Protein backbone atom coordinates (compact mmCIF):
# COMPACT_ATOMS: atom_id res chain seq x y z
CA UNK A 1 66.18 64.37 83.55
CA UNK A 2 67.22 67.80 82.40
CA UNK A 3 65.28 70.86 83.38
CA UNK A 4 63.03 72.41 80.71
CA UNK A 5 64.54 75.31 78.82
CA UNK A 6 61.86 77.73 80.04
CA UNK A 7 62.63 76.91 83.67
CA UNK A 8 66.38 77.30 83.12
CA UNK A 9 65.81 80.62 81.35
CA UNK A 10 63.58 81.80 84.21
CA UNK A 11 66.29 80.91 86.74
CA UNK A 12 68.95 82.64 84.68
CA UNK A 13 66.85 85.80 84.36
CA UNK A 14 66.15 85.84 88.11
CA UNK A 15 69.84 85.41 88.87
CA UNK A 16 70.77 88.11 86.36
CA UNK A 17 68.31 90.52 87.98
CA UNK A 18 69.64 89.69 91.45
CA UNK A 19 73.21 90.21 90.20
CA UNK A 20 72.28 93.57 88.64
CA UNK A 21 70.73 94.71 91.93
CA UNK A 22 73.78 93.52 93.87
CA UNK A 23 76.12 95.35 91.48
CA UNK A 24 74.06 98.54 91.89
CA UNK A 25 74.22 98.22 95.72
CA UNK A 26 77.97 97.60 95.56
CA UNK A 27 78.50 100.59 93.28
CA UNK A 28 76.55 102.83 95.69
CA UNK A 29 78.62 101.55 98.63
CA UNK A 30 81.90 102.03 96.76
CA UNK A 31 80.98 105.60 95.77
CA UNK A 32 80.77 106.41 99.49
CA UNK A 33 83.97 104.60 100.52
CA UNK A 34 87.14 106.26 101.73
CA UNK A 35 90.23 105.09 103.57
CA UNK A 36 92.73 106.99 105.72
CA UNK A 37 96.23 105.71 106.52
CA UNK A 38 99.03 107.05 108.72
CA UNK A 39 102.57 107.24 107.43
CA UNK A 40 105.06 104.96 109.21
CA UNK A 41 106.59 107.98 110.97
CA UNK A 42 103.07 108.95 112.14
CA UNK A 43 103.54 112.49 110.81
CA UNK A 44 100.91 112.36 108.04
CA UNK A 45 97.43 110.91 107.54
CA UNK A 46 96.26 110.62 103.94
CA UNK A 47 92.68 109.94 102.93
CA UNK A 48 91.65 108.64 99.53
CA UNK A 49 88.21 108.65 97.98
CA UNK A 50 86.33 105.96 96.10
CA UNK A 51 88.44 106.16 92.94
CA UNK A 52 91.71 106.25 94.85
CA UNK A 53 91.93 110.03 94.51
CA UNK A 54 93.63 111.95 97.28
CA UNK A 55 90.80 113.44 99.36
CA UNK A 56 92.69 114.79 102.33
CA UNK A 57 96.07 115.25 104.00
CA UNK A 58 96.56 115.88 107.70
CA UNK A 59 99.88 116.84 109.26
CA UNK A 60 99.85 115.39 112.74
CA UNK A 61 101.26 116.85 115.95
CA UNK A 62 103.29 119.49 114.10
CA UNK A 63 105.88 116.82 113.25
CA UNK A 64 106.22 118.37 109.81
CA UNK A 65 108.03 121.33 111.37
CA UNK A 66 111.06 119.16 112.14
CA UNK A 67 111.09 117.41 108.76
CA UNK A 68 112.99 118.30 105.63
CA UNK A 69 110.86 118.92 102.53
CA UNK A 70 112.00 115.57 101.15
CA UNK A 71 111.03 113.72 104.33
CA UNK A 72 107.62 115.37 104.41
CA UNK A 73 107.00 114.62 100.75
CA UNK A 74 108.02 111.00 101.31
CA UNK A 75 105.64 110.69 104.28
CA UNK A 76 102.77 112.12 102.24
CA UNK A 77 103.47 109.75 99.34
CA UNK A 78 103.81 106.75 101.65
CA UNK A 79 100.48 107.42 103.39
CA UNK A 80 98.66 108.24 100.14
CA UNK A 81 99.94 105.11 98.40
CA UNK A 82 99.03 102.91 101.38
CA UNK A 83 95.52 104.39 101.50
CA UNK A 84 95.11 103.88 97.75
CA UNK A 85 96.22 100.26 98.10
CA UNK A 86 93.68 99.77 100.89
CA UNK A 87 90.93 101.19 98.66
CA UNK A 88 92.00 99.00 95.73
CA UNK A 89 91.81 95.89 97.90
CA UNK A 90 88.40 96.98 99.16
CA UNK A 91 87.16 97.28 95.57
CA UNK A 92 88.56 93.82 94.76
CA UNK A 93 86.82 92.28 97.76
CA UNK A 94 83.52 94.03 96.98
CA UNK A 95 83.59 92.93 93.34
CA UNK A 96 84.79 89.34 93.94
CA UNK A 97 81.29 87.79 94.14
CA UNK A 98 80.52 89.04 90.63
CA UNK A 99 83.55 87.35 89.13
CA UNK A 100 82.56 83.88 90.35
CA UNK A 101 80.50 81.39 88.36
CA UNK A 102 76.84 80.91 89.23
CA UNK A 103 76.04 77.89 91.36
CA UNK A 104 72.40 77.89 90.20
CA UNK A 105 72.92 78.55 86.50
CA UNK A 106 76.00 76.76 85.13
CA UNK A 107 75.83 78.78 81.90
CA UNK A 108 76.69 81.95 83.86
CA UNK A 109 80.43 81.49 84.17
CA UNK A 110 81.31 84.76 85.89
CA UNK A 111 84.13 86.84 84.51
CA UNK A 112 87.81 87.20 85.04
CA UNK A 113 89.48 90.48 85.97
CA UNK A 114 93.18 91.18 85.78
CA UNK A 115 93.47 92.99 89.13
CA UNK A 116 97.22 93.33 88.71
CA UNK A 117 96.76 95.16 85.41
CA UNK A 118 94.05 97.39 86.89
CA UNK A 119 95.68 98.27 90.24
CA UNK A 120 99.31 97.16 89.97
CA UNK A 121 101.13 94.12 91.37
CA UNK A 122 101.14 95.23 95.02
CA UNK A 123 97.37 94.76 95.26
CA UNK A 124 97.80 90.98 94.94
CA UNK A 125 100.39 90.64 97.68
CA UNK A 126 98.94 89.31 100.89
CA UNK A 127 98.84 91.32 104.11
CA UNK A 128 101.73 89.31 105.57
CA UNK A 129 103.97 90.44 102.69
CA UNK A 130 102.81 94.02 103.20
CA UNK A 131 103.42 93.87 106.97
CA UNK A 132 106.90 92.48 106.36
CA UNK A 133 107.60 95.31 103.90
CA UNK A 134 106.31 97.89 106.42
CA UNK A 135 108.96 96.75 108.91
CA UNK A 136 111.71 97.17 106.33
CA UNK A 137 113.25 100.56 105.67
CA UNK A 138 111.32 102.12 102.77
CA UNK A 139 113.45 102.74 99.69
CA UNK A 140 112.72 106.46 99.76
CA UNK A 141 114.15 106.75 103.28
CA UNK A 142 117.25 104.84 102.23
CA UNK A 143 117.61 107.17 99.25
CA UNK A 144 117.43 110.19 101.54
CA UNK A 145 120.41 108.89 103.51
CA UNK A 146 122.40 108.19 100.36
CA UNK A 147 121.88 111.72 99.08
CA UNK A 148 123.31 113.12 102.29
CA UNK A 149 120.02 114.86 103.11
CA UNK A 150 118.96 113.43 106.46
C-alpha cells in the first residue's frame, strides 16, 4: 500500500531541511578551504583560496635566483594551476552528495552539474591521468627549449 501523502510530504520536508543544513555546513567548510601545491621543479609553492583565487606564492630555497624569468613564470603558473585543480576537485567531492537522488524520497531526483563546463575538462581526469601527465615534460618547458631560452 502506498504511503499517505501527508507522510510523504513530511519526509520530503525533513529531507529538504537536512539537505539545506548540509549545504550550509559544506559552504562554511568550503569558504575556509585552501590548497598549496609545489611546482614540479620544487622552486615555487602556490596557494589558492576557496574560489580558486591565488592566495600566496612562495619561492623556495632561493631557486628562483638561478631561473630565467620565463622559467620562474612557468613554475608559478604550473603550481597555481595545480592548486586550483586540487581546489576544484575538492569542491566537486564536497558537493557530490547534493547531486544524487534521495533514497528516502523518490520525488527528489537530485540535480546534474556540468563540472567540465564549470571547471574545465582537466577536473574530470582521474588522478592516474594527472600523475602520468606530471611525469611528462610540460609543454611550457618544451616551448622554452624551442625558443632557445634555456
